[in-house]
Amino acid sequence: MRQRLSESALSWAAGSVGADARIVAVKGLRGGPSPWWLRVEHGATTHERVLRVAGWIQPRQIATGAAALRAAEEHGLPAPRMIAADLDGRVTGVPATLETALPGTRAKPAKASAERLREVGAAIAKVHAIPLDPRPDLPLRVRPRTYDYALGRRWAMLYHATDQTSSLSGTST
C-alpha cells in the first residue's frame, strides 16, 4: 500500500511555517510514507520539518504523538517541538502534525562510546523522573508480556552480585 501525501497536507504544513513558506523537498523519513521529512524555505531561511499524517500511522497514534510532544515540552525534555496539529483532519483531510526535525541519523554506530551511552542514559533518566498521569490522548498503556526483560536483567544482576560475593568469601553456592 503506497500512501500519497495530499496537496492539502503540504499546503497546511507550509502555511504553518509561514505565509510565504514553500516546500522545496519531500521524502519519506524512513524510506517510505509517513512520517515525511520536509525542507521548507521561509524568507531567507530553510527549515527541516517532520509531517506525520494518518494513513500508515493510525489517527490515535497521531494524537498520542502530539500529546507526548506537548508533555516533553512542558517538562523541558530534549525532543522535537510541535509546530502545528490538525488532529481532527479538518484542514488536511486526515489527522496530521507538523514538528521540528532533530539533526542526526537513524543509522546505528558501529560501536557506541561510553560517553554516548552516558548521554543516552541521562536522557532516559530525565524521562523516567517525570511523574505523568494518564491523559485523554496519552493513556496509560499496559501491554501483556511473554517475558519481562527488565525483571530478567534485575535477577541476572542479583545472581551475578551474589556469585561474586560468594567467591570473595571463599564459599561456593
C-alpha atoms as a PDB file:
ATOM      1  CA  MET A   1       0.000   0.000   0.000  1.00  0.00           C
ATOM      2  CA  ARG A   2       1.578   3.254  -1.132  1.00  0.00           C
ATOM      3  CA  GLN A   3       0.386   6.377   0.635  1.00  0.00           C
ATOM      4  CA  ARG A   4       0.444   9.666  -1.234  1.00  0.00           C
ATOM      5  CA  LEU A   5       0.854  12.967   0.510  1.00  0.00           C
ATOM      6  CA  SER A   6      -2.070  15.243  -0.288  1.00  0.00           C
ATOM      7  CA  GLU A   7      -1.711  18.793  -1.563  1.00  0.00           C
ATOM      8  CA  SER A   8      -3.900  19.972   1.328  1.00  0.00           C
ATOM      9  CA  ALA A   9      -1.459  18.455   3.855  1.00  0.00           C
ATOM     10  CA  LEU A  10       1.531  20.048   2.105  1.00  0.00           C
ATOM     11  CA  SER A  11      -0.216  23.408   1.859  1.00  0.00           C
ATOM     12  CA  TRP A  12      -1.168  23.251   5.560  1.00  0.00           C
ATOM     13  CA  ALA A  13       2.422  22.358   6.515  1.00  0.00           C
ATOM     14  CA  ALA A  14       3.877  25.249   4.511  1.00  0.00           C
ATOM     15  CA  GLY A  15       1.303  27.686   5.924  1.00  0.00           C
ATOM     16  CA  SER A  16       2.109  26.506   9.452  1.00  0.00           C
ATOM     17  CA  VAL A  17       5.721  27.607   8.944  1.00  0.00           C
ATOM     18  CA  GLY A  18       4.751  30.987   7.494  1.00  0.00           C
ATOM     19  CA  ALA A  19       2.513  32.741   4.984  1.00  0.00           C
ATOM     20  CA  ASP A  20       5.202  32.873   2.297  1.00  0.00           C
ATOM     21  CA  ALA A  21       6.785  29.485   3.069  1.00  0.00           C
ATOM     22  CA  ARG A  22       7.186  26.917   0.345  1.00  0.00           C
ATOM     23  CA  ILE A  23       8.125  23.254   0.458  1.00  0.00           C
ATOM     24  CA  VAL A  24      11.142  22.517  -1.727  1.00  0.00           C
ATOM     25  CA  ALA A  25      11.767  18.843  -0.868  1.00  0.00           C
ATOM     26  CA  VAL A  26       9.725  15.918   0.468  1.00  0.00           C
ATOM     27  CA  LYS A  27      10.816  12.379   1.281  1.00  0.00           C
ATOM     28  CA  GLY A  28       9.702   9.531   3.464  1.00  0.00           C
ATOM     29  CA  LEU A  29      11.597   9.816   6.749  1.00  0.00           C
ATOM     30  CA  ARG A  30      12.115   6.053   6.950  1.00  0.00           C
ATOM     31  CA  GLY A  31      12.425   5.476   3.245  1.00  0.00           C
ATOM     32  CA  GLY A  32       8.654   5.091   2.887  1.00  0.00           C
ATOM     33  CA  PRO A  33       5.477   7.003   3.596  1.00  0.00           C
ATOM     34  CA  SER A  34       4.683   8.913   6.778  1.00  0.00           C
ATOM     35  CA  PRO A  35       6.332  10.359   8.612  1.00  0.00           C
ATOM     36  CA  TRP A  36       7.525  12.716   5.925  1.00  0.00           C
ATOM     37  CA  TRP A  37      10.664  14.852   6.028  1.00  0.00           C
ATOM     38  CA  LEU A  38      10.125  18.299   4.518  1.00  0.00           C
ATOM     39  CA  ARG A  39      12.565  21.019   3.564  1.00  0.00           C
ATOM     40  CA  VAL A  40      10.743  24.319   3.806  1.00  0.00           C
ATOM     41  CA  GLU A  41      12.001  27.703   2.608  1.00  0.00           C
ATOM     42  CA  HIS A  42      10.683  30.664   4.528  1.00  0.00           C
ATOM     43  CA  GLY A  43      12.149  34.064   3.769  1.00  0.00           C
ATOM     44  CA  ALA A  44      15.922  33.729   3.702  1.00  0.00           C
ATOM     45  CA  THR A  45      15.955  30.577   5.852  1.00  0.00           C
ATOM     46  CA  THR A  46      15.484  26.882   5.188  1.00  0.00           C
ATOM     47  CA  HIS A  47      13.867  24.636   7.792  1.00  0.00           C
ATOM     48  CA  GLU A  48      13.646  20.880   8.079  1.00  0.00           C
ATOM     49  CA  ARG A  49      10.306  19.654   9.424  1.00  0.00           C
ATOM     50  CA  VAL A  50       8.550  16.349  10.023  1.00  0.00           C
ATOM     51  CA  LEU A  51       4.979  15.882   8.838  1.00  0.00           C
ATOM     52  CA  ARG A  52       3.015  12.961  10.243  1.00  0.00           C
ATOM     53  CA  VAL A  53      -0.279  12.112   8.608  1.00  0.00           C
ATOM     54  CA  ALA A  54      -2.779   9.371   9.396  1.00  0.00           C
ATOM     55  CA  GLY A  55      -2.808   6.512   6.952  1.00  0.00           C
ATOM     56  CA  TRP A  56       0.038   4.168   7.717  1.00  0.00           C
ATOM     57  CA  ILE A  57       0.003   5.778  11.155  1.00  0.00           C
ATOM     58  CA  GLN A  58      -3.396   5.457  12.859  1.00  0.00           C
ATOM     59  CA  PRO A  59      -5.255   8.653  13.869  1.00  0.00           C
ATOM     60  CA  ARG A  60      -4.949   7.760  17.571  1.00  0.00           C
ATOM     61  CA  GLN A  61      -1.171   7.406  17.114  1.00  0.00           C
ATOM     62  CA  ILE A  62      -1.034  10.920  15.667  1.00  0.00           C
ATOM     63  CA  ALA A  63      -2.951  12.233  18.710  1.00  0.00           C
ATOM     64  CA  THR A  64      -0.764  10.265  21.140  1.00  0.00           C
ATOM     65  CA  GLY A  65       2.396  11.551  19.467  1.00  0.00           C
ATOM     66  CA  ALA A  66       1.135  15.131  19.704  1.00  0.00           C
ATOM     67  CA  ALA A  67       0.285  14.688  23.394  1.00  0.00           C
ATOM     68  CA  ALA A  68       3.706  13.159  24.065  1.00  0.00           C
ATOM     69  CA  LEU A  69       5.477  16.076  22.384  1.00  0.00           C
ATOM     70  CA  ARG A  70       3.413  18.571  24.410  1.00  0.00           C
ATOM     71  CA  ALA A  71       4.336  16.711  27.612  1.00  0.00           C
ATOM     72  CA  ALA A  72       8.020  16.667  26.611  1.00  0.00           C
ATOM     73  CA  GLU A  73       7.943  20.417  26.012  1.00  0.00           C
ATOM     74  CA  GLU A  74       6.111  21.077  29.309  1.00  0.00           C
ATOM     75  CA  HIS A  75       8.903  19.288  31.143  1.00  0.00           C
ATOM     76  CA  GLY A  76      11.787  20.730  29.126  1.00  0.00           C
ATOM     77  CA  LEU A  77      12.845  17.420  27.619  1.00  0.00           C
ATOM     78  CA  PRO A  78      15.067  17.478  24.548  1.00  0.00           C
ATOM     79  CA  ALA A  79      12.603  16.359  21.889  1.00  0.00           C
ATOM     80  CA  PRO A  80      11.086  17.662  18.671  1.00  0.00           C
ATOM     81  CA  ARG A  81       8.675  20.558  19.180  1.00  0.00           C
ATOM     82  CA  MET A  82       5.144  20.675  17.861  1.00  0.00           C
ATOM     83  CA  ILE A  83       4.644  23.403  15.279  1.00  0.00           C
ATOM     84  CA  ALA A  84       1.035  22.650  14.350  1.00  0.00           C
ATOM     85  CA  ALA A  85      -1.581  19.938  14.747  1.00  0.00           C
ATOM     86  CA  ASP A  86      -4.725  19.150  12.766  1.00  0.00           C
ATOM     87  CA  LEU A  87      -5.910  16.276  14.935  1.00  0.00           C
ATOM     88  CA  ASP A  88      -9.420  16.138  13.515  1.00  0.00           C
ATOM     89  CA  GLY A  89      -8.240  16.414   9.899  1.00  0.00           C
ATOM     90  CA  ARG A  90     -10.478  19.373   9.070  1.00  0.00           C
ATOM     91  CA  VAL A  91      -7.741  21.171   7.138  1.00  0.00           C
ATOM     92  CA  THR A  92      -5.554  18.355   5.830  1.00  0.00           C
ATOM     93  CA  GLY A  93      -8.259  15.740   5.270  1.00  0.00           C
ATOM     94  CA  VAL A  94      -6.641  13.367   7.797  1.00  0.00           C
ATOM     95  CA  PRO A  95      -5.196  13.855  11.293  1.00  0.00           C
ATOM     96  CA  ALA A  96      -1.719  15.381  10.972  1.00  0.00           C
ATOM     97  CA  THR A  97       1.058  17.040  12.928  1.00  0.00           C
ATOM     98  CA  LEU A  98       3.996  19.200  11.900  1.00  0.00           C
ATOM     99  CA  GLU A  99       7.097  19.027  14.101  1.00  0.00           C
ATOM    100  CA  THR A 100      10.636  20.291  14.185  1.00  0.00           C
ATOM    101  CA  ALA A 101      13.228  17.850  12.875  1.00  0.00           C
ATOM    102  CA  LEU A 102      16.179  16.852  15.010  1.00  0.00           C
ATOM    103  CA  PRO A 103      19.610  16.575  13.426  1.00  0.00           C
ATOM    104  CA  GLY A 104      21.179  13.174  13.164  1.00  0.00           C
ATOM    105  CA  THR A 105      20.742   9.829  11.526  1.00  0.00           C
ATOM    106  CA  ARG A 106      18.842   6.631  12.219  1.00  0.00           C
ATOM    107  CA  ALA A 107      21.952   4.593  11.410  1.00  0.00           C
ATOM    108  CA  LYS A 108      23.401   2.731  14.369  1.00  0.00           C
ATOM    109  CA  PRO A 109      27.044   3.491  15.111  1.00  0.00           C
ATOM    110  CA  ALA A 110      29.464   0.592  14.681  1.00  0.00           C
ATOM    111  CA  LYS A 111      30.350   0.975  18.350  1.00  0.00           C
ATOM    112  CA  ALA A 112      28.755   3.265  20.909  1.00  0.00           C
ATOM    113  CA  SER A 113      31.212   5.211  23.022  1.00  0.00           C
ATOM    114  CA  ALA A 114      30.944   5.227  26.800  1.00  0.00           C
ATOM    115  CA  GLU A 115      30.274   8.971  26.609  1.00  0.00           C
ATOM    116  CA  ARG A 116      27.366   8.456  24.189  1.00  0.00           C
ATOM    117  CA  LEU A 117      25.896   5.704  26.366  1.00  0.00           C
ATOM    118  CA  ARG A 118      26.081   8.014  29.409  1.00  0.00           C
ATOM    119  CA  GLU A 119      24.309  10.767  27.417  1.00  0.00           C
ATOM    120  CA  VAL A 120      21.548   8.369  26.381  1.00  0.00           C
ATOM    121  CA  GLY A 121      21.203   7.062  29.948  1.00  0.00           C
ATOM    122  CA  ALA A 122      20.966  10.613  31.312  1.00  0.00           C
ATOM    123  CA  ALA A 123      18.275  11.476  28.753  1.00  0.00           C
ATOM    124  CA  ILE A 124      16.226   8.388  29.630  1.00  0.00           C
ATOM    125  CA  ALA A 125      16.638   9.150  33.348  1.00  0.00           C
ATOM    126  CA  LYS A 126      15.081  12.599  32.747  1.00  0.00           C
ATOM    127  CA  VAL A 127      12.114  10.984  31.012  1.00  0.00           C
ATOM    128  CA  HIS A 128      11.565   8.460  33.807  1.00  0.00           C
ATOM    129  CA  ALA A 129      11.860  11.138  36.511  1.00  0.00           C
ATOM    130  CA  ILE A 130       8.719  12.882  35.289  1.00  0.00           C
ATOM    131  CA  PRO A 131       5.540  11.931  37.142  1.00  0.00           C
ATOM    132  CA  LEU A 132       2.887  11.717  34.482  1.00  0.00           C
ATOM    133  CA  ASP A 133      -0.770  10.939  34.912  1.00  0.00           C
ATOM    134  CA  PRO A 134      -2.676   9.423  32.003  1.00  0.00           C
ATOM    135  CA  ARG A 135      -4.324  11.976  29.711  1.00  0.00           C
ATOM    136  CA  PRO A 136      -7.028  11.517  27.093  1.00  0.00           C
ATOM    137  CA  ASP A 137      -4.540  11.292  24.215  1.00  0.00           C
ATOM    138  CA  LEU A 138      -1.679   9.932  26.326  1.00  0.00           C
ATOM    139  CA  PRO A 139      -3.238   6.972  28.116  1.00  0.00           C
ATOM    140  CA  LEU A 140      -1.656   4.521  30.487  1.00  0.00           C
ATOM    141  CA  ARG A 141      -0.691   1.515  28.428  1.00  0.00           C
ATOM    142  CA  VAL A 142      -0.362  -1.881  29.962  1.00  0.00           C
ATOM    143  CA  ARG A 143       0.722  -4.467  27.460  1.00  0.00           C
ATOM    144  CA  PRO A 144       0.835  -8.176  28.163  1.00  0.00           C
ATOM    145  CA  ARG A 145       4.343  -9.561  28.126  1.00  0.00           C
ATOM    146  CA  THR A 146       5.502 -13.026  27.395  1.00  0.00           C
ATOM    147  CA  TYR A 147       8.755 -12.227  29.163  1.00  0.00           C
ATOM    148  CA  ASP A 148       9.693  -9.355  31.469  1.00  0.00           C
ATOM    149  CA  TYR A 149      13.142  -8.406  30.186  1.00  0.00           C
ATOM    150  CA  ALA A 150      13.717  -5.761  32.869  1.00  0.00           C
ATOM    151  CA  LEU A 151      12.908  -8.269  35.625  1.00  0.00           C
ATOM    152  CA  GLY A 152      15.201 -10.804  33.970  1.00  0.00           C
ATOM    153  CA  ARG A 153      18.066  -8.288  33.947  1.00  0.00           C
ATOM    154  CA  ARG A 154      17.497  -7.453  37.620  1.00  0.00           C
ATOM    155  CA  TRP A 155      17.548 -11.146  38.568  1.00  0.00           C
ATOM    156  CA  ALA A 156      20.692 -11.680  36.485  1.00  0.00           C
ATOM    157  CA  MET A 157      22.421  -8.746  38.205  1.00  0.00           C
ATOM    158  CA  LEU A 158      21.371 -10.055  41.617  1.00  0.00           C
ATOM    159  CA  TYR A 159      22.608 -13.544  40.742  1.00  0.00           C
ATOM    160  CA  HIS A 160      25.888 -12.152  39.429  1.00  0.00           C
ATOM    161  CA  ALA A 161      26.376  -9.998  42.555  1.00  0.00           C
ATOM    162  CA  THR A 162      25.639 -12.984  44.800  1.00  0.00           C
ATOM    163  CA  ASP A 163      28.012 -15.195  42.830  1.00  0.00           C
ATOM    164  CA  GLN A 164      30.796 -12.583  43.093  1.00  0.00           C
ATOM    165  CA  THR A 165      30.230 -12.170  46.845  1.00  0.00           C
ATOM    166  CA  SER A 166      30.364 -15.955  47.385  1.00  0.00           C
ATOM    167  CA  SER A 167      33.676 -16.339  45.582  1.00  0.00           C
ATOM    168  CA  LEU A 168      35.165 -13.445  47.554  1.00  0.00           C
ATOM    169  CA  SER A 169      34.250 -15.039  50.888  1.00  0.00           C
ATOM    170  CA  GLY A 170      35.711 -18.376  49.879  1.00  0.00           C
ATOM    171  CA  THR A 171      32.364 -20.188  49.859  1.00  0.00           C
ATOM    172  CA  SER A 172      30.580 -21.614  46.910  1.00  0.00           C
ATOM    173  CA  THR A 173      26.930 -21.779  46.129  1.00  0.00           C
END
